[in-house]
Protein backbone atom coordinates (compact mmCIF):
# COMPACT_ATOMS: atom_id res chain seq x y z
CA MET A 1 -6.62 -18.73 6.20
CA SER A 2 -3.65 -16.36 6.56
CA GLU A 3 -3.72 -12.58 7.24
CA PRO A 4 -4.31 -10.22 4.28
CA VAL A 5 -2.07 -7.97 6.15
CA LYS A 6 1.61 -8.88 6.66
CA LEU A 7 4.28 -6.99 8.07
CA THR A 8 7.87 -7.67 8.15
CA LEU A 9 10.77 -6.26 9.83
CA HIS A 10 13.94 -6.62 7.78
CA PRO A 11 17.85 -6.29 9.59
CA SER A 12 18.48 -3.79 7.06
CA GLY A 13 16.34 -1.19 8.59
CA ALA A 14 13.49 -1.65 6.31
CA ALA A 15 10.11 -2.59 6.80
CA GLU A 16 7.43 -4.10 4.67
CA ILE A 17 3.42 -3.92 4.68
CA VAL A 18 2.12 -6.49 1.98
CA ILE A 19 -1.62 -7.07 0.87
CA ASP A 20 -2.11 -10.37 0.30
CA ARG A 21 -5.50 -10.57 -1.08
CA PRO A 22 -4.46 -11.96 -4.58
CA GLU A 23 -7.72 -13.85 -5.32
CA ARG A 24 -9.69 -10.29 -4.99
CA HIS A 25 -6.58 -8.65 -6.67
CA ASN A 26 -5.94 -7.35 -3.27
CA ALA A 27 -9.10 -5.55 -2.75
CA MET A 28 -9.26 -4.11 0.89
CA THR A 29 -11.74 -4.53 3.27
CA LEU A 30 -12.43 -2.24 6.15
CA ASP A 31 -10.60 -4.46 8.88
CA MET A 32 -7.91 -4.46 6.27
CA TYR A 33 -7.56 -0.83 6.46
CA GLU A 34 -7.05 -0.99 10.01
CA SER A 35 -4.72 -3.66 9.91
CA LEU A 36 -2.82 -1.76 7.71
CA LEU A 37 -2.63 1.61 10.11
CA ALA A 38 -2.26 -0.71 12.82
CA SER A 39 1.00 -1.82 11.08
CA ILE A 40 2.25 1.38 9.93
CA GLY A 41 1.91 1.94 13.76
CA GLU A 42 3.91 -0.38 15.05
CA CYS A 43 7.01 0.48 12.72
CA GLU A 44 6.36 4.07 13.82
CA GLN A 45 7.04 2.66 17.25
CA THR A 46 10.20 0.68 16.16
CA ARG A 47 13.36 3.18 16.27
CA ASP A 48 14.81 0.35 14.02
CA VAL A 49 12.99 1.08 11.26
CA ARG A 50 14.04 3.46 8.90
CA CYS A 51 12.38 3.17 5.52
CA LEU A 52 8.85 1.05 5.17
CA LEU A 53 7.74 -0.21 1.80
CA PHE A 54 4.13 -1.05 0.70
CA ARG A 55 3.62 -4.51 -1.71
CA GLY A 56 1.08 -6.07 -3.34
CA ALA A 57 0.59 -10.19 -3.41
CA GLY A 58 0.10 -12.19 -6.35
CA GLY A 59 1.89 -10.34 -9.29
CA LYS A 60 -1.20 -8.75 -10.98
CA SER A 61 -2.21 -6.05 -8.60
CA PHE A 62 -0.57 -3.86 -6.24
CA ILE A 63 -4.32 -2.56 -4.30
CA SER A 64 -6.99 -2.37 -6.23
CA GLY A 65 -8.79 0.34 -4.16
CA THR A 66 -12.23 -0.64 -1.63
CA ASP A 67 -14.24 -4.01 -2.22
CA ILE A 68 -16.59 -3.45 -4.13
CA ALA A 69 -19.07 -5.76 -1.83
CA TYR A 70 -18.74 -2.69 1.00
CA PHE A 71 -20.70 -0.32 -0.89
CA LYS A 72 -23.91 -2.32 -1.04
CA ASN A 73 -25.15 -1.25 2.00
CA PHE A 74 -24.52 2.21 1.29
CA ARG A 75 -28.21 4.21 2.39
CA ASP A 76 -27.77 7.70 0.55
CA GLY A 77 -24.69 10.38 0.22
CA ARG A 78 -24.10 10.73 4.06
CA ASP A 79 -22.42 7.34 3.80
CA GLY A 80 -20.30 8.79 0.87
CA VAL A 81 -19.13 11.39 3.19
CA ALA A 82 -18.54 8.98 5.85
CA TYR A 83 -16.28 6.54 3.64
CA GLU A 84 -14.18 9.30 2.16
CA ALA A 85 -13.59 10.69 5.57
CA PHE A 86 -12.45 7.05 6.35
CA VAL A 87 -10.42 6.60 3.27
CA GLU A 88 -8.64 10.39 4.16
CA ARG A 89 -7.53 8.80 7.64
CA VAL A 90 -5.92 6.06 5.78
CA ILE A 91 -4.22 8.29 3.23
CA ASP A 92 -3.06 10.74 5.20
CA THR A 93 -1.29 8.27 7.58
CA VAL A 94 0.73 7.22 5.18
CA GLU A 95 1.43 10.28 3.80
CA ARG A 96 2.64 11.29 7.31
CA ILE A 97 4.80 8.72 8.20
CA ALA A 98 8.03 10.75 9.15
CA ILE A 99 10.26 7.83 7.38
CA PRO A 100 10.59 7.33 3.57
CA THR A 101 7.86 5.30 1.73
CA ILE A 102 8.16 3.32 -1.39
CA ALA A 103 5.04 1.70 -2.84
CA VAL A 104 6.88 -1.14 -4.65
CA ILE A 105 3.63 -1.88 -7.87
CA ASP A 106 3.84 -5.29 -9.33
CA GLY A 107 0.67 -5.47 -11.34
CA TRP A 108 -2.18 -2.48 -11.52
CA ALA A 109 -2.22 0.17 -9.11
CA VAL A 110 -6.15 1.46 -9.05
CA GLY A 111 -8.44 3.46 -6.87
CA GLY A 112 -7.71 3.62 -3.10
CA GLY A 113 -4.88 1.62 -4.60
CA LEU A 114 -3.53 4.23 -6.62
CA ALA A 115 -4.30 7.09 -3.96
CA LEU A 116 -1.92 5.54 -1.38
CA ALA A 117 0.53 4.70 -3.66
CA THR A 118 -0.04 8.46 -4.48
CA ALA A 119 1.04 9.03 -0.83
CA CYS A 120 4.06 7.54 -0.85
CA ASP A 121 7.79 8.90 -1.86
CA PHE A 122 8.84 6.61 -4.25
CA ARG A 123 6.86 4.45 -6.49
CA LEU A 124 8.66 0.95 -8.58
CA CYS A 125 6.72 -0.93 -10.57
CA THR A 126 6.99 -3.43 -13.61
CA ASP A 127 6.59 -3.25 -17.45
CA ALA A 128 3.19 -4.26 -16.91
CA SER A 129 1.72 -1.81 -14.18
CA ARG A 130 -0.64 0.23 -14.99
CA PHE A 131 -2.22 3.16 -12.87
CA GLY A 132 -6.20 4.78 -12.98
CA ALA A 133 -9.48 5.33 -11.39
CA PRO A 134 -11.47 4.49 -13.85
CA ILE A 135 -14.61 5.79 -11.47
CA ALA A 136 -16.47 7.39 -14.26
CA LYS A 137 -16.69 3.49 -15.58
CA THR A 138 -17.43 2.01 -12.78
CA LEU A 139 -18.83 2.72 -9.60
CA SER A 140 -20.06 6.53 -10.69
CA ASN A 141 -18.35 7.58 -7.37
CA THR A 142 -15.56 10.22 -7.17
CA LEU A 143 -12.69 10.92 -5.05
CA SER A 144 -12.09 13.03 -2.23
CA SER A 145 -10.47 16.68 -3.38
CA ARG A 146 -7.71 16.02 -1.07
CA ASN A 147 -6.89 12.94 -2.99
CA ILE A 148 -7.28 15.02 -6.28
CA ALA A 149 -4.61 17.26 -4.88
CA ARG A 150 -2.75 14.48 -4.44
CA LEU A 151 -2.73 13.26 -7.90
CA GLN A 152 -2.76 16.86 -9.18
CA ALA A 153 0.65 17.58 -7.36
CA ALA A 154 2.34 14.47 -8.99
CA LEU A 155 0.67 14.30 -12.25
CA GLY A 156 -1.04 17.55 -13.23
CA VAL A 157 -3.81 18.38 -14.09
CA PRO A 158 -4.56 17.58 -17.93
CA ARG A 159 -3.66 13.81 -16.98
CA VAL A 160 -5.52 13.68 -14.07
CA LYS A 161 -8.70 14.72 -16.00
CA LYS A 162 -7.98 11.78 -18.24
CA MET A 163 -7.38 9.70 -16.06
CA LEU A 164 -11.07 10.73 -13.82
CA LEU A 165 -12.88 11.89 -16.46
CA LEU A 166 -12.13 9.98 -19.49
CA ALA A 167 -11.46 6.38 -16.97
CA ASP A 168 -8.10 6.23 -18.62
CA TYR A 169 -4.74 4.27 -17.56
CA LEU A 170 -1.42 5.77 -17.28
CA THR A 171 1.11 2.73 -18.75
CA ALA A 172 4.28 2.31 -16.53
CA GLN A 173 6.26 4.13 -19.41
CA GLU A 174 3.92 7.21 -19.08
CA ALA A 175 4.05 7.21 -15.34
CA SER A 176 8.04 7.03 -15.18
CA ALA A 177 8.08 9.95 -18.09
CA CYS A 178 6.43 12.51 -15.80
CA GLY A 179 8.10 11.16 -13.20
CA PHE A 180 5.44 9.53 -11.06
CA VAL A 181 7.51 6.26 -10.86
CA TYR A 182 11.06 6.52 -10.39
CA ASP A 183 11.94 3.17 -12.11
CA VAL A 184 10.36 0.38 -14.16
CA CYS A 185 11.97 -3.14 -13.71
CA PRO A 186 11.71 -6.17 -14.58
CA GLN A 187 9.24 -8.27 -12.49
CA ASP A 188 12.00 -10.65 -10.90
CA ALA A 189 14.03 -7.39 -10.31
CA LEU A 190 11.29 -5.26 -8.72
CA GLN A 191 11.97 -6.56 -4.83
CA ASP A 192 16.10 -6.14 -5.04
CA ALA A 193 15.22 -2.89 -7.06
CA ALA A 194 13.07 -1.46 -4.34
CA HIS A 195 15.12 -2.34 -1.09
CA ALA A 196 18.25 -1.23 -2.96
CA LEU A 197 16.16 2.19 -3.11
CA ALA A 198 15.62 1.84 0.42
CA GLN A 199 19.03 1.29 1.36
CA ARG A 200 20.07 4.75 -0.68
CA LEU A 201 17.22 6.44 1.90
CA ILE A 202 18.44 4.71 4.85
CA ALA A 203 21.84 5.94 4.31
CA LEU A 204 20.35 9.58 4.31
CA SER A 205 19.48 12.14 7.19
CA PRO A 206 15.98 11.17 8.74
CA VAL A 207 16.09 14.30 10.39
CA THR A 208 16.13 16.25 6.69
CA GLN A 209 13.73 13.30 5.23
CA LYS A 210 10.90 14.22 7.82
CA ALA A 211 10.92 17.90 7.57
CA VAL A 212 10.93 17.56 3.60
CA LYS A 213 8.12 15.10 3.66
CA GLU A 214 5.75 17.48 5.88
CA SER A 215 6.99 20.50 4.56
CA VAL A 216 5.85 19.20 1.02
CA ARG A 217 2.45 17.41 2.69
CA ARG A 218 1.24 20.81 3.69
CA ILE A 219 1.90 22.25 0.77
CA VAL A 220 0.30 20.23 -1.30
CA VAL A 221 -2.88 19.10 0.38
CA GLU A 222 -3.29 22.14 3.10
CA GLN A 223 -1.73 24.66 1.06
CA ARG A 224 0.38 25.46 3.77
CA LEU A 225 4.03 27.52 4.19
CA ASP A 226 4.63 27.41 7.61
CA ASP A 227 7.49 26.51 8.73
CA GLU A 228 8.91 27.84 11.40
CA ASP A 229 8.35 24.03 13.50
CA LEU A 230 10.18 22.18 11.00
CA ILE A 231 13.14 24.44 11.19
CA GLU A 232 13.60 24.81 14.38
CA GLU A 233 13.46 20.98 14.88
CA VAL A 234 15.91 20.29 12.40
CA TYR A 235 18.69 23.15 13.11
CA GLY A 236 17.87 22.02 16.86
CA SER A 237 18.86 18.33 16.32
CA ALA A 238 21.78 16.56 17.34
CA ARG A 239 21.93 15.05 13.96
CA PHE A 240 22.46 18.97 12.68
CA LYS A 241 24.88 19.49 15.38
CA ASP A 242 26.93 16.68 14.43
CA ALA A 243 27.06 17.08 10.79
CA VAL A 244 28.65 21.04 11.12
CA ILE A 245 31.09 19.79 13.78
CA ALA A 246 32.08 16.50 10.85
CA PHE A 247 32.28 19.04 8.20
CA THR A 248 34.05 21.86 9.82
CA SER A 249 36.67 19.13 11.36
CA GLY A 250 37.51 17.90 7.73
CA SER A 251 36.27 14.40 8.54
CA ARG A 252 33.64 14.30 5.52
CA SER A 253 34.43 15.32 1.88
């Protein structure tokens, strides 16, 4: 049996993590989450990786969240607390990746898959994609406040309430109209569009990108405005000093 979490490093500087369990709509087991974290760690240790793409195999689902079979052995609410803490570790890891991240959504992004896509910097999808967390209709569970905060920052309070309280879905067009999705592509053009976006990101300053990503994370999830460490790192970097020299010498327009 093939591995359900696959990492590919491309010569272009992009890396791609594919969730390959289409027979279960790319539902995640705890072992798969751990493999995902290990793949992210490998990318972070590889200097040549400048952009990370997440994708689900099969053309019907990005990631459909945690495999529901996992919940059968829950005994009480403390199991739920432990589970949400585990999921937060995964989503927080995705959100803290220093390089730009892209969710390539071919199909439905629901539950934990929606949370992971929201933690990415950009989302591309197809016309048939849908976004939601129909927990009020399915498991009668909830999302953590941190994941709700991420959704609220990305979509706004009214859309989040519609999504969670009514178990409603956003269409690709609705997600695009509110800026949640960077682009809606034909299915056969989705991969090329994602890698083209990756190349645009790779061409820009990783120092700036890292600082902006961390600043936004602090503001949205932790309601923090402290940034002295980020500013010091950016203005003290060789990248900044080289750029100043290049501009002042007239070698850049």
